[in-house]
């Protein structure tokens, strides 16, 4: 079962599809697969929450990422994928 932090991370990513959070015409013109800073900012709170839930301190988070939104999101995504894999393995071992 997903942790509350994982659920919030899921919701944050899903919120990118909300009409007010979709890429603007200007953002689309940049023709890049990278999220705009505006859209990254939507993911950072849930990303930080997920990272901190693993026992990492705020100071360690800032030291490792330098506060860079992309690095925070990537780190949180790695944690999310690892936890999802662990959950999947536990479910399969219970069958």
C-alpha atoms as a PDB file:
ATOM      1  CA  UNK A   1       0.000   0.000   0.000  1.00  0.00           C
ATOM      2  CA  UNK A   2       1.279   3.463  -0.882  1.00  0.00           C
ATOM      3  CA  UNK A   3       2.316   5.832   1.874  1.00  0.00           C
ATOM      4  CA  UNK A   4       0.478   9.166   2.233  1.00  0.00           C
ATOM      5  CA  UNK A   5       3.588  10.874   0.844  1.00  0.00           C
ATOM      6  CA  UNK A   6       3.491   8.630  -2.233  1.00  0.00           C
ATOM      7  CA  UNK A   7      -0.209   9.421  -2.689  1.00  0.00           C
ATOM      8  CA  UNK A   8       0.536  13.155  -2.512  1.00  0.00           C
ATOM      9  CA  UNK A   9       3.356  12.739  -5.040  1.00  0.00           C
ATOM     10  CA  UNK A  10       0.895  10.936  -7.349  1.00  0.00           C
ATOM     11  CA  UNK A  11      -1.660  13.718  -6.941  1.00  0.00           C
ATOM     12  CA  UNK A  12       0.949  16.379  -7.689  1.00  0.00           C
ATOM     13  CA  UNK A  13       1.881  14.687 -10.971  1.00  0.00           C
ATOM     14  CA  UNK A  14      -1.763  14.186 -11.893  1.00  0.00           C
ATOM     15  CA  UNK A  15      -2.410  17.880 -11.187  1.00  0.00           C
ATOM     16  CA  UNK A  16      -0.121  18.743 -14.111  1.00  0.00           C
ATOM     17  CA  UNK A  17      -3.004  17.633 -16.330  1.00  0.00           C
ATOM     18  CA  UNK A  18      -5.445  20.091 -14.747  1.00  0.00           C
ATOM     19  CA  UNK A  19      -6.428  22.876 -17.178  1.00  0.00           C
ATOM     20  CA  UNK A  20      -4.756  25.629 -15.136  1.00  0.00           C
ATOM     21  CA  UNK A  21      -1.521  23.610 -14.906  1.00  0.00           C
ATOM     22  CA  UNK A  22      -1.144  22.552 -18.523  1.00  0.00           C
ATOM     23  CA  UNK A  23       1.703  24.058 -20.548  1.00  0.00           C
ATOM     24  CA  UNK A  24       1.005  27.554 -21.823  1.00  0.00           C
ATOM     25  CA  UNK A  25       1.469  28.387 -25.499  1.00  0.00           C
ATOM     26  CA  UNK A  26       4.761  30.053 -24.619  1.00  0.00           C
ATOM     27  CA  UNK A  27       5.934  26.946 -22.750  1.00  0.00           C
ATOM     28  CA  UNK A  28       4.948  24.751 -25.698  1.00  0.00           C
ATOM     29  CA  UNK A  29       6.948  26.937 -28.100  1.00  0.00           C
ATOM     30  CA  UNK A  30      10.150  26.143 -26.215  1.00  0.00           C
ATOM     31  CA  UNK A  31       9.823  22.656 -27.697  1.00  0.00           C
ATOM     32  CA  UNK A  32      11.558  20.884 -24.829  1.00  0.00           C
ATOM     33  CA  UNK A  33      10.535  17.859 -22.801  1.00  0.00           C
ATOM     34  CA  UNK A  34      11.645  19.578 -19.583  1.00  0.00           C
ATOM     35  CA  UNK A  35       8.914  20.991 -17.381  1.00  0.00           C
ATOM     36  CA  UNK A  36       8.735  24.749 -17.008  1.00  0.00           C
ATOM     37  CA  UNK A  37       9.714  26.241 -13.652  1.00  0.00           C
ATOM     38  CA  UNK A  38       6.038  27.026 -13.057  1.00  0.00           C
ATOM     39  CA  UNK A  39       5.096  23.365 -13.448  1.00  0.00           C
ATOM     40  CA  UNK A  40       8.119  22.100 -11.502  1.00  0.00           C
ATOM     41  CA  UNK A  41       7.048  24.322  -8.606  1.00  0.00           C
ATOM     42  CA  UNK A  42       3.800  22.325  -8.444  1.00  0.00           C
ATOM     43  CA  UNK A  43       5.768  19.122  -7.836  1.00  0.00           C
ATOM     44  CA  UNK A  44       8.385  20.382  -5.383  1.00  0.00           C
ATOM     45  CA  UNK A  45       6.290  20.392  -2.152  1.00  0.00           C
ATOM     46  CA  UNK A  46       5.168  16.767  -2.615  1.00  0.00           C
ATOM     47  CA  UNK A  47       8.673  15.811  -3.754  1.00  0.00           C
ATOM     48  CA  UNK A  48      10.237  17.302  -0.633  1.00  0.00           C
ATOM     49  CA  UNK A  49       7.628  15.625   1.553  1.00  0.00           C
ATOM     50  CA  UNK A  50       8.428  12.235   0.001  1.00  0.00           C
ATOM     51  CA  UNK A  51      12.189  12.709   0.391  1.00  0.00           C
ATOM     52  CA  UNK A  52      11.877  13.879   4.000  1.00  0.00           C
ATOM     53  CA  UNK A  53       9.651  10.881   4.813  1.00  0.00           C
ATOM     54  CA  UNK A  54      12.676   8.628   4.269  1.00  0.00           C
ATOM     55  CA  UNK A  55      14.512  10.221   7.192  1.00  0.00           C
ATOM     56  CA  UNK A  56      16.528  12.720   5.172  1.00  0.00           C
ATOM     57  CA  UNK A  57      16.803  16.087   6.920  1.00  0.00           C
ATOM     58  CA  UNK A  58      15.930  19.394   5.288  1.00  0.00           C
ATOM     59  CA  UNK A  59      19.607  20.381   5.577  1.00  0.00           C
ATOM     60  CA  UNK A  60      20.732  17.198   3.814  1.00  0.00           C
ATOM     61  CA  UNK A  61      18.112  17.727   1.122  1.00  0.00           C
ATOM     62  CA  UNK A  62      19.395  21.236   0.462  1.00  0.00           C
ATOM     63  CA  UNK A  63      23.020  20.119   0.570  1.00  0.00           C
ATOM     64  CA  UNK A  64      22.467  17.316  -1.958  1.00  0.00           C
ATOM     65  CA  UNK A  65      20.261  19.286  -4.345  1.00  0.00           C
ATOM     66  CA  UNK A  66      21.313  22.877  -3.774  1.00  0.00           C
ATOM     67  CA  UNK A  67      17.588  23.633  -3.800  1.00  0.00           C
ATOM     68  CA  UNK A  68      17.439  22.833  -7.536  1.00  0.00           C
ATOM     69  CA  UNK A  69      13.845  21.919  -8.373  1.00  0.00           C
ATOM     70  CA  UNK A  70      14.830  19.390 -11.046  1.00  0.00           C
ATOM     71  CA  UNK A  71      17.180  17.533  -8.713  1.00  0.00           C
ATOM     72  CA  UNK A  72      14.552  17.448  -5.960  1.00  0.00           C
ATOM     73  CA  UNK A  73      11.941  16.029  -8.353  1.00  0.00           C
ATOM     74  CA  UNK A  74      14.362  13.445  -9.777  1.00  0.00           C
ATOM     75  CA  UNK A  75      15.384  12.303  -6.291  1.00  0.00           C
ATOM     76  CA  UNK A  76      11.747  12.005  -5.217  1.00  0.00           C
ATOM     77  CA  UNK A  77      10.916  10.082  -8.391  1.00  0.00           C
ATOM     78  CA  UNK A  78      13.718   7.614  -7.656  1.00  0.00           C
ATOM     79  CA  UNK A  79      12.395   7.125  -4.110  1.00  0.00           C
ATOM     80  CA  UNK A  80       8.850   6.715  -5.442  1.00  0.00           C
ATOM     81  CA  UNK A  81       9.944   4.081  -7.965  1.00  0.00           C
ATOM     82  CA  UNK A  82      11.966   2.182  -5.344  1.00  0.00           C
ATOM     83  CA  UNK A  83       9.092   2.198  -2.847  1.00  0.00           C
ATOM     84  CA  UNK A  84       6.612   1.155  -5.548  1.00  0.00           C
ATOM     85  CA  UNK A  85       8.878  -1.750  -6.478  1.00  0.00           C
ATOM     86  CA  UNK A  86       9.138  -2.799  -2.808  1.00  0.00           C
ATOM     87  CA  UNK A  87       5.347  -2.654  -2.445  1.00  0.00           C
ATOM     88  CA  UNK A  88       4.901  -4.726  -5.614  1.00  0.00           C
ATOM     89  CA  UNK A  89       7.386  -7.348  -4.349  1.00  0.00           C
ATOM     90  CA  UNK A  90       5.610  -7.546  -0.975  1.00  0.00           C
ATOM     91  CA  UNK A  91       2.233  -8.006  -2.645  1.00  0.00           C
ATOM     92  CA  UNK A  92       3.597 -10.728  -4.924  1.00  0.00           C
ATOM     93  CA  UNK A  93       5.279 -12.542  -2.018  1.00  0.00           C
ATOM     94  CA  UNK A  94       1.971 -12.609  -0.123  1.00  0.00           C
ATOM     95  CA  UNK A  95       0.180 -14.400  -2.973  1.00  0.00           C
END
